[in-house]
Amino acid sequence: MKYGIRTPSLKKSLSARTAGRAKRAVKKAFIPGYGRKGMGWLTNPRKAAYNKIYHKTSVSLFKMFK
């Protein structure tokens, strides 16, 4: 588990803003309930628990300077 500052990745950031956005839009149009808050706990509880702990224990480099 990562604690502290997350390592910034320009490649992943760019991917999330372009290709990822298009894929999410398509999935949201066809899958009912996709992208709604709390759905991760239904589909994959282990991953949802990991992500919750990760986001509480690590800090984004960009948010530190905001």
PDB file of N, CA and C in Angstrom:
ATOM      1  N   MET A   1       0.845  -1.187   0.000  1.00  0.00           N
ATOM      2  CA  MET A   1       0.000   0.000   0.000  1.00  0.00           C
ATOM      3  C   MET A   1       0.880   1.237   0.000  1.00  0.00           C
ATOM      4  N   LYS A   2       0.485   2.204  -0.774  1.00  0.00           N
ATOM      5  CA  LYS A   2       1.254   3.455  -0.908  1.00  0.00           C
ATOM      6  C   LYS A   2       0.838   4.442   0.184  1.00  0.00           C
ATOM      7  N   TYR A   3       1.836   5.030   0.845  1.00  0.00           N
ATOM      8  CA  TYR A   3       1.600   6.084   1.827  1.00  0.00           C
ATOM      9  C   TYR A   3       2.363   7.313   1.375  1.00  0.00           C
ATOM     10  N   GLY A   4       1.781   8.491   1.557  1.00  0.00           N
ATOM     11  CA  GLY A   4       2.480   9.723   1.222  1.00  0.00           C
ATOM     12  C   GLY A   4       2.129  10.241  -0.147  1.00  0.00           C
ATOM     13  N   ILE A   5       3.108  10.833  -0.809  1.00  0.00           N
ATOM     14  CA  ILE A   5       2.891  11.503  -2.086  1.00  0.00           C
ATOM     15  C   ILE A   5       2.850  10.492  -3.232  1.00  0.00           C
ATOM     16  N   ARG A   6       1.820  10.604  -4.091  1.00  0.00           N
ATOM     17  CA  ARG A   6       1.728   9.757  -5.275  1.00  0.00           C
ATOM     18  C   ARG A   6       2.684  10.256  -6.346  1.00  0.00           C
ATOM     19  N   THR A   7       3.244   9.336  -7.110  1.00  0.00           N
ATOM     20  CA  THR A   7       4.140   9.697  -8.207  1.00  0.00           C
ATOM     21  C   THR A   7       3.302  10.158  -9.394  1.00  0.00           C
ATOM     22  N   PRO A   8       3.460  11.400  -9.861  1.00  0.00           N
ATOM     23  CA  PRO A   8       2.661  11.863 -10.987  1.00  0.00           C
ATOM     24  C   PRO A   8       3.075  11.189 -12.291  1.00  0.00           C
ATOM     25  N   SER A   9       2.097  10.876 -13.132  1.00  0.00           N
ATOM     26  CA  SER A   9       2.360  10.247 -14.414  1.00  0.00           C
ATOM     27  C   SER A   9       1.637  11.043 -15.493  1.00  0.00           C
ATOM     28  N   LEU A  10       2.387  11.706 -16.347  1.00  0.00           N
ATOM     29  CA  LEU A  10       1.806  12.505 -17.426  1.00  0.00           C
ATOM     30  C   LEU A  10       1.062  11.622 -18.422  1.00  0.00           C
ATOM     31  N   LYS A  11       1.606  10.434 -18.691  1.00  0.00           N
ATOM     32  CA  LYS A  11       0.991   9.510 -19.642  1.00  0.00           C
ATOM     33  C   LYS A  11      -0.386   9.056 -19.155  1.00  0.00           C
ATOM     34  N   LYS A  12      -0.489   8.666 -17.894  1.00  0.00           N
ATOM     35  CA  LYS A  12      -1.762   8.210 -17.349  1.00  0.00           C
ATOM     36  C   LYS A  12      -2.758   9.361 -17.231  1.00  0.00           C
ATOM     37  N   SER A  13      -2.274  10.538 -16.914  1.00  0.00           N
ATOM     38  CA  SER A  13      -3.134  11.711 -16.802  1.00  0.00           C
ATOM     39  C   SER A  13      -3.754  12.062 -18.151  1.00  0.00           C
ATOM     40  N   LEU A  14      -2.946  12.041 -19.202  1.00  0.00           N
ATOM     41  CA  LEU A  14      -3.424  12.336 -20.544  1.00  0.00           C
ATOM     42  C   LEU A  14      -4.414  11.266 -21.018  1.00  0.00           C
ATOM     43  N   SER A  15      -4.129  10.010 -20.723  1.00  0.00           N
ATOM     44  CA  SER A  15      -4.997   8.909 -21.111  1.00  0.00           C
ATOM     45  C   SER A  15      -6.362   9.025 -20.441  1.00  0.00           C
ATOM     46  N   ALA A  16      -6.391   9.413 -19.175  1.00  0.00           N
ATOM     47  CA  ALA A  16      -7.648   9.544 -18.446  1.00  0.00           C
ATOM     48  C   ALA A  16      -8.494  10.680 -19.000  1.00  0.00           C
ATOM     49  N   ARG A  17      -7.862  11.702 -19.558  1.00  0.00           N
ATOM     50  CA  ARG A  17      -8.602  12.842 -20.090  1.00  0.00           C
ATOM     51  C   ARG A  17      -9.095  12.621 -21.510  1.00  0.00           C
ATOM     52  N   THR A  18      -8.526  11.681 -22.263  1.00  0.00           N
ATOM     53  CA  THR A  18      -8.908  11.503 -23.663  1.00  0.00           C
ATOM     54  C   THR A  18      -9.623  10.173 -23.887  1.00  0.00           C
ATOM     55  N   ALA A  19      -8.888   9.088 -24.009  1.00  0.00           N
ATOM     56  CA  ALA A  19      -9.477   7.781 -24.319  1.00  0.00           C
ATOM     57  C   ALA A  19     -10.403   7.314 -23.198  1.00  0.00           C
ATOM     58  N   GLY A  20      -9.996   7.511 -21.958  1.00  0.00           N
ATOM     59  CA  GLY A  20     -10.803   7.072 -20.818  1.00  0.00           C
ATOM     60  C   GLY A  20     -12.148   7.755 -20.767  1.00  0.00           C
ATOM     61  N   ARG A  21     -12.180   9.030 -21.099  1.00  0.00           N
ATOM     62  CA  ARG A  21     -13.437   9.785 -21.072  1.00  0.00           C
ATOM     63  C   ARG A  21     -14.416   9.233 -22.101  1.00  0.00           C
ATOM     64  N   ALA A  22     -13.923   8.907 -23.300  1.00  0.00           N
ATOM     65  CA  ALA A  22     -14.780   8.362 -24.358  1.00  0.00           C
ATOM     66  C   ALA A  22     -15.326   6.989 -23.965  1.00  0.00           C
ATOM     67  N   LYS A  23     -14.479   6.139 -23.394  1.00  0.00           N
ATOM     68  CA  LYS A  23     -14.914   4.796 -22.986  1.00  0.00           C
ATOM     69  C   LYS A  23     -15.980   4.882 -21.892  1.00  0.00           C
ATOM     70  N   ARG A  24     -15.785   5.796 -20.939  1.00  0.00           N
ATOM     71  CA  ARG A  24     -16.766   5.955 -19.862  1.00  0.00           C
ATOM     72  C   ARG A  24     -18.104   6.442 -20.398  1.00  0.00           C
ATOM     73  N   ALA A  25     -18.070   7.333 -21.379  1.00  0.00           N
ATOM     74  CA  ALA A  25     -19.308   7.850 -21.961  1.00  0.00           C
ATOM     75  C   ALA A  25     -20.094   6.742 -22.654  1.00  0.00           C
ATOM     76  N   VAL A  26     -19.402   5.860 -23.370  1.00  0.00           N
ATOM     77  CA  VAL A  26     -20.061   4.749 -24.058  1.00  0.00           C
ATOM     78  C   VAL A  26     -20.645   3.778 -23.044  1.00  0.00           C
ATOM     79  N   LYS A  27     -19.868   3.426 -22.033  1.00  0.00           N
ATOM     80  CA  LYS A  27     -20.358   2.488 -21.017  1.00  0.00           C
ATOM     81  C   LYS A  27     -21.560   3.056 -20.277  1.00  0.00           C
ATOM     82  N   LYS A  28     -21.524   4.351 -19.967  1.00  0.00           N
ATOM     83  CA  LYS A  28     -22.614   4.986 -19.236  1.00  0.00           C
ATOM     84  C   LYS A  28     -23.904   4.966 -20.049  1.00  0.00           C
ATOM     85  N   ALA A  29     -23.785   5.032 -21.382  1.00  0.00           N
ATOM     86  CA  ALA A  29     -24.962   5.012 -22.247  1.00  0.00           C
ATOM     87  C   ALA A  29     -25.607   3.627 -22.319  1.00  0.00           C
ATOM     88  N   PHE A  30     -24.808   2.549 -22.199  1.00  0.00           N
ATOM     89  CA  PHE A  30     -25.323   1.203 -22.391  1.00  0.00           C
ATOM     90  C   PHE A  30     -25.539   0.404 -21.106  1.00  0.00           C
ATOM     91  N   ILE A  31     -24.774   0.691 -20.054  1.00  0.00           N
ATOM     92  CA  ILE A  31     -24.867  -0.096 -18.820  1.00  0.00           C
ATOM     93  C   ILE A  31     -25.587   0.728 -17.752  1.00  0.00           C
ATOM     94  N   PRO A  32     -26.774   0.275 -17.326  1.00  0.00           N
ATOM     95  CA  PRO A  32     -27.489   1.031 -16.294  1.00  0.00           C
ATOM     96  C   PRO A  32     -26.738   0.967 -14.968  1.00  0.00           C
ATOM     97  N   GLY A  33     -26.593   2.090 -14.323  1.00  0.00           N
ATOM     98  CA  GLY A  33     -25.910   2.142 -13.039  1.00  0.00           C
ATOM     99  C   GLY A  33     -24.416   2.347 -13.141  1.00  0.00           C
ATOM    100  N   TYR A  34     -23.853   2.338 -14.371  1.00  0.00           N
ATOM    101  CA  TYR A  34     -22.407   2.517 -14.516  1.00  0.00           C
ATOM    102  C   TYR A  34     -22.016   3.945 -14.153  1.00  0.00           C
ATOM    103  N   GLY A  35     -20.976   4.080 -13.345  1.00  0.00           N
ATOM    104  CA  GLY A  35     -20.457   5.394 -12.987  1.00  0.00           C
ATOM    105  C   GLY A  35     -21.174   6.047 -11.827  1.00  0.00           C
ATOM    106  N   ARG A  36     -22.126   5.365 -11.234  1.00  0.00           N
ATOM    107  CA  ARG A  36     -22.831   5.934 -10.094  1.00  0.00           C
ATOM    108  C   ARG A  36     -22.062   5.652  -8.817  1.00  0.00           C
ATOM    109  N   LYS A  37     -22.202   6.534  -7.874  1.00  0.00           N
ATOM    110  CA  LYS A  37     -21.472   6.426  -6.615  1.00  0.00           C
ATOM    111  C   LYS A  37     -21.851   5.134  -5.877  1.00  0.00           C
ATOM    112  N   GLY A  38     -20.849   4.406  -5.425  1.00  0.00           N
ATOM    113  CA  GLY A  38     -21.065   3.196  -4.653  1.00  0.00           C
ATOM    114  C   GLY A  38     -21.191   1.922  -5.469  1.00  0.00           C
ATOM    115  N   MET A  39     -21.171   2.007  -6.790  1.00  0.00           N
ATOM    116  CA  MET A  39     -21.328   0.808  -7.622  1.00  0.00           C
ATOM    117  C   MET A  39     -20.104  -0.097  -7.546  1.00  0.00           C
ATOM    118  N   GLY A  40     -18.942   0.451  -7.238  1.00  0.00           N
ATOM    119  CA  GLY A  40     -17.733  -0.348  -7.121  1.00  0.00           C
ATOM    120  C   GLY A  40     -17.824  -1.380  -6.009  1.00  0.00           C
ATOM    121  N   TRP A  41     -18.550  -1.037  -4.939  1.00  0.00           N
ATOM    122  CA  TRP A  41     -18.714  -1.973  -3.831  1.00  0.00           C
ATOM    123  C   TRP A  41     -19.544  -3.181  -4.250  1.00  0.00           C
ATOM    124  N   LEU A  42     -20.434  -3.009  -5.228  1.00  0.00           N
ATOM    125  CA  LEU A  42     -21.249  -4.129  -5.705  1.00  0.00           C
ATOM    126  C   LEU A  42     -20.494  -5.003  -6.693  1.00  0.00           C
ATOM    127  N   THR A  43     -19.728  -4.370  -7.593  1.00  0.00           N
ATOM    128  CA  THR A  43     -19.057  -5.131  -8.641  1.00  0.00           C
ATOM    129  C   THR A  43     -17.767  -5.784  -8.160  1.00  0.00           C
ATOM    130  N   ASN A  44     -16.957  -5.069  -7.373  1.00  0.00           N
ATOM    131  CA  ASN A  44     -15.678  -5.622  -6.912  1.00  0.00           C
ATOM    132  C   ASN A  44     -15.342  -5.027  -5.541  1.00  0.00           C
ATOM    133  N   PRO A  45     -15.866  -5.606  -4.459  1.00  0.00           N
ATOM    134  CA  PRO A  45     -15.686  -5.032  -3.121  1.00  0.00           C
ATOM    135  C   PRO A  45     -14.226  -4.962  -2.669  1.00  0.00           C
ATOM    136  N   ARG A  46     -13.413  -5.948  -3.073  1.00  0.00           N
ATOM    137  CA  ARG A  46     -12.009  -5.957  -2.652  1.00  0.00           C
ATOM    138  C   ARG A  46     -11.257  -4.763  -3.241  1.00  0.00           C
ATOM    139  N   LYS A  47     -11.470  -4.510  -4.518  1.00  0.00           N
ATOM    140  CA  LYS A  47     -10.830  -3.379  -5.201  1.00  0.00           C
ATOM    141  C   LYS A  47     -11.340  -2.049  -4.646  1.00  0.00           C
ATOM    142  N   ALA A  48     -12.632  -1.979  -4.346  1.00  0.00           N
ATOM    143  CA  ALA A  48     -13.225  -0.756  -3.808  1.00  0.00           C
ATOM    144  C   ALA A  48     -12.627  -0.434  -2.432  1.00  0.00           C
ATOM    145  N   ALA A  49     -12.423  -1.448  -1.607  1.00  0.00           N
ATOM    146  CA  ALA A  49     -11.831  -1.245  -0.281  1.00  0.00           C
ATOM    147  C   ALA A  49     -10.383  -0.773  -0.410  1.00  0.00           C
ATOM    148  N   TYR A  50      -9.631  -1.385  -1.325  1.00  0.00           N
ATOM    149  CA  TYR A  50      -8.244  -0.982  -1.559  1.00  0.00           C
ATOM    150  C   TYR A  50      -8.171   0.476  -2.001  1.00  0.00           C
ATOM    151  N   ASN A  51      -9.028   0.851  -2.959  1.00  0.00           N
ATOM    152  CA  ASN A  51      -9.012   2.221  -3.473  1.00  0.00           C
ATOM    153  C   ASN A  51      -9.386   3.235  -2.407  1.00  0.00           C
ATOM    154  N   LYS A  52     -10.326   2.896  -1.541  1.00  0.00           N
ATOM    155  CA  LYS A  52     -10.734   3.811  -0.473  1.00  0.00           C
ATOM    156  C   LYS A  52      -9.569   4.072   0.485  1.00  0.00           C
ATOM    157  N   ILE A  53      -8.855   3.012   0.865  1.00  0.00           N
ATOM    158  CA  ILE A  53      -7.708   3.157   1.762  1.00  0.00           C
ATOM    159  C   ILE A  53      -6.584   3.918   1.066  1.00  0.00           C
ATOM    160  N   TYR A  54      -6.336   3.594  -0.211  1.00  0.00           N
ATOM    161  CA  TYR A  54      -5.267   4.246  -0.978  1.00  0.00           C
ATOM    162  C   TYR A  54      -5.491   5.751  -1.064  1.00  0.00           C
ATOM    163  N   HIS A  55      -6.709   6.159  -1.358  1.00  0.00           N
ATOM    164  CA  HIS A  55      -6.989   7.580  -1.526  1.00  0.00           C
ATOM    165  C   HIS A  55      -6.998   8.339  -0.202  1.00  0.00           C
ATOM    166  N   LYS A  56      -7.187   7.632   0.901  1.00  0.00           N
ATOM    167  CA  LYS A  56      -7.128   8.292   2.214  1.00  0.00           C
ATOM    168  C   LYS A  56      -5.701   8.415   2.739  1.00  0.00           C
ATOM    169  N   THR A  57      -4.810   7.492   2.318  1.00  0.00           N
ATOM    170  CA  THR A  57      -3.454   7.483   2.862  1.00  0.00           C
ATOM    171  C   THR A  57      -2.417   8.136   1.964  1.00  0.00           C
ATOM    172  N   SER A  58      -2.758   8.404   0.700  1.00  0.00           N
ATOM    173  CA  SER A  58      -1.800   9.024  -0.198  1.00  0.00           C
ATOM    174  C   SER A  58      -2.297  10.411  -0.616  1.00  0.00           C
ATOM    175  N   VAL A  59      -1.357  11.243  -1.087  1.00  0.00           N
ATOM    176  CA  VAL A  59      -1.663  12.625  -1.440  1.00  0.00           C
ATOM    177  C   VAL A  59      -1.145  12.901  -2.846  1.00  0.00           C
ATOM    178  N   SER A  60      -1.936  13.605  -3.628  1.00  0.00           N
ATOM    179  CA  SER A  60      -1.521  13.998  -4.964  1.00  0.00           C
ATOM    180  C   SER A  60      -0.547  15.177  -4.865  1.00  0.00           C
ATOM    181  N   LEU A  61       0.478  15.157  -5.683  1.00  0.00           N
ATOM    182  CA  LEU A  61       1.470  16.235  -5.704  1.00  0.00           C
ATOM    183  C   LEU A  61       0.811  17.546  -6.113  1.00  0.00           C
ATOM    184  N   PHE A  62      -0.140  17.488  -7.044  1.00  0.00           N
ATOM    185  CA  PHE A  62      -0.798  18.685  -7.541  1.00  0.00           C
ATOM    186  C   PHE A  62      -1.735  19.309  -6.517  1.00  0.00           C
ATOM    187  N   LYS A  63      -2.375  18.486  -5.675  1.00  0.00           N
ATOM    188  CA  LYS A  63      -3.279  19.010  -4.648  1.00  0.00           C
ATOM    189  C   LYS A  63      -2.518  19.687  -3.515  1.00  0.00           C
ATOM    190  N   MET A  64      -1.250  19.325  -3.355  1.00  0.00           N
ATOM    191  CA  MET A  64      -0.449  19.946  -2.291  1.00  0.00           C
ATOM    192  C   MET A  64      -0.191  21.422  -2.572  1.00  0.00           C
ATOM    193  N   PHE A  65      -0.128  21.779  -3.860  1.00  0.00           N
ATOM    194  CA  PHE A  65       0.178  23.156  -4.230  1.00  0.00           C
ATOM    195  C   PHE A  65      -1.070  23.974  -4.543  1.00  0.00           C
ATOM    196  N   LYS A  66      -2.241  23.381  -4.429  1.00  0.00           N
ATOM    197  CA  LYS A  66      -3.492  24.090  -4.698  1.00  0.00           C
ATOM    198  C   LYS A  66      -3.840  25.032  -3.579  1.00  0.00           C
TER     199      LYS A  66
END
